[in-house]
Amino acid sequence: MSAEPLPERDELECELVELIDAHASERAALRVTYEKLKIVLADADRAVSKGFIQGVFSEGARPPREAI
């Protein structure tokens, strides 16, 4: 009988375990992660200059973020 050591958890795996524990299920953790990703992507899209169209900004000023 050979005893092999358990593989060490890497940093990402530890963060995933903590995320799932904080939200009670994988589905809830995935939902929260998706919602946060949508916010980050929307912020990134607003932060990028689209250039000028006839001397006026194409997107205008950054709109206020909606409450979650």
C-alpha atoms as a PDB file:
ATOM      1  CA  MET A   1       0.000   0.000   0.000  1.00  0.00           C
ATOM      2  CA  SER A   2       1.498   3.322  -1.031  1.00  0.00           C
ATOM      3  CA  ALA A   3       0.467   6.532   0.610  1.00  0.00           C
ATOM      4  CA  GLU A   4       0.501   9.471  -1.749  1.00  0.00           C
ATOM      5  CA  PRO A   5       0.270  12.979  -0.357  1.00  0.00           C
ATOM      6  CA  LEU A   6      -2.841  14.963  -1.181  1.00  0.00           C
ATOM      7  CA  PRO A   7      -2.284  17.574  -3.863  1.00  0.00           C
ATOM      8  CA  GLU A   8      -1.911  21.081  -2.473  1.00  0.00           C
ATOM      9  CA  ARG A   9      -4.650  23.548  -3.230  1.00  0.00           C
ATOM     10  CA  ASP A  10      -3.597  26.449  -5.345  1.00  0.00           C
ATOM     11  CA  GLU A  11      -4.672  30.032  -4.681  1.00  0.00           C
ATOM     12  CA  LEU A  12      -7.492  29.973  -7.254  1.00  0.00           C
ATOM     13  CA  GLU A  13      -8.998  26.799  -5.838  1.00  0.00           C
ATOM     14  CA  CYS A  14      -8.965  28.298  -2.334  1.00  0.00           C
ATOM     15  CA  GLU A  15     -10.736  31.424  -3.598  1.00  0.00           C
ATOM     16  CA  LEU A  16     -13.354  29.307  -5.372  1.00  0.00           C
ATOM     17  CA  VAL A  17     -14.022  27.256  -2.243  1.00  0.00           C
ATOM     18  CA  GLU A  18     -14.418  30.465  -0.215  1.00  0.00           C
ATOM     19  CA  LEU A  19     -16.781  31.919  -2.836  1.00  0.00           C
ATOM     20  CA  ILE A  20     -18.975  28.820  -2.843  1.00  0.00           C
ATOM     21  CA  ASP A  21     -19.000  28.688   0.962  1.00  0.00           C
ATOM     22  CA  ALA A  22     -20.012  32.358   1.131  1.00  0.00           C
ATOM     23  CA  HIS A  23     -22.997  31.848  -1.186  1.00  0.00           C
ATOM     24  CA  ALA A  24     -24.095  28.361  -0.085  1.00  0.00           C
ATOM     25  CA  SER A  25     -24.111  26.813  -3.573  1.00  0.00           C
ATOM     26  CA  GLU A  26     -22.199  26.727  -6.830  1.00  0.00           C
ATOM     27  CA  ARG A  27     -25.174  28.159  -8.691  1.00  0.00           C
ATOM     28  CA  ALA A  28     -25.482  31.175  -6.372  1.00  0.00           C
ATOM     29  CA  ALA A  29     -21.721  31.786  -6.516  1.00  0.00           C
ATOM     30  CA  LEU A  30     -21.813  31.669 -10.319  1.00  0.00           C
ATOM     31  CA  ARG A  31     -24.765  34.085 -10.420  1.00  0.00           C
ATOM     32  CA  VAL A  32     -22.942  36.611  -8.196  1.00  0.00           C
ATOM     33  CA  THR A  33     -19.750  36.276 -10.238  1.00  0.00           C
ATOM     34  CA  TYR A  34     -21.675  36.836 -13.484  1.00  0.00           C
ATOM     35  CA  GLU A  35     -23.434  39.940 -12.135  1.00  0.00           C
ATOM     36  CA  LYS A  36     -20.133  41.432 -10.951  1.00  0.00           C
ATOM     37  CA  LEU A  37     -18.513  40.661 -14.311  1.00  0.00           C
ATOM     38  CA  LYS A  38     -21.331  42.483 -16.138  1.00  0.00           C
ATOM     39  CA  ILE A  39     -20.723  45.573 -13.972  1.00  0.00           C
ATOM     40  CA  VAL A  40     -16.972  45.500 -14.599  1.00  0.00           C
ATOM     41  CA  LEU A  41     -17.452  45.104 -18.359  1.00  0.00           C
ATOM     42  CA  ALA A  42     -19.986  47.952 -18.474  1.00  0.00           C
ATOM     43  CA  ASP A  43     -17.594  50.210 -16.557  1.00  0.00           C
ATOM     44  CA  ALA A  44     -14.741  49.299 -18.893  1.00  0.00           C
ATOM     45  CA  ASP A  45     -16.894  50.002 -21.949  1.00  0.00           C
ATOM     46  CA  ARG A  46     -17.884  53.426 -20.602  1.00  0.00           C
ATOM     47  CA  ALA A  47     -14.300  54.289 -19.694  1.00  0.00           C
ATOM     48  CA  VAL A  48     -13.012  53.764 -23.242  1.00  0.00           C
ATOM     49  CA  SER A  49     -13.149  56.783 -25.515  1.00  0.00           C
ATOM     50  CA  LYS A  50     -15.135  56.157 -28.675  1.00  0.00           C
ATOM     51  CA  GLY A  51     -13.691  59.284 -30.283  1.00  0.00           C
ATOM     52  CA  PHE A  52     -15.362  62.381 -31.591  1.00  0.00           C
ATOM     53  CA  ILE A  53     -18.259  62.527 -34.023  1.00  0.00           C
ATOM     54  CA  GLN A  54     -18.498  66.008 -35.547  1.00  0.00           C
ATOM     55  CA  GLY A  55     -16.915  67.549 -32.448  1.00  0.00           C
ATOM     56  CA  VAL A  56     -19.232  65.845 -29.945  1.00  0.00           C
ATOM     57  CA  PHE A  57     -18.464  62.803 -27.846  1.00  0.00           C
ATOM     58  CA  SER A  58     -20.280  59.790 -29.245  1.00  0.00           C
ATOM     59  CA  GLU A  59     -21.241  58.301 -25.871  1.00  0.00           C
ATOM     60  CA  GLY A  60     -21.461  61.437 -23.754  1.00  0.00           C
ATOM     61  CA  ALA A  61     -20.614  61.544 -20.070  1.00  0.00           C
ATOM     62  CA  ARG A  62     -20.514  58.425 -17.997  1.00  0.00           C
ATOM     63  CA  PRO A  63     -24.017  57.653 -16.686  1.00  0.00           C
ATOM     64  CA  PRO A  64     -24.488  56.940 -12.976  1.00  0.00           C
ATOM     65  CA  ARG A  65     -24.194  53.282 -11.988  1.00  0.00           C
ATOM     66  CA  GLU A  66     -27.462  51.550 -11.132  1.00  0.00           C
ATOM     67  CA  ALA A  67     -27.850  50.255  -7.584  1.00  0.00           C
ATOM     68  CA  ILE A  68     -27.652  46.508  -7.234  1.00  0.00           C
END
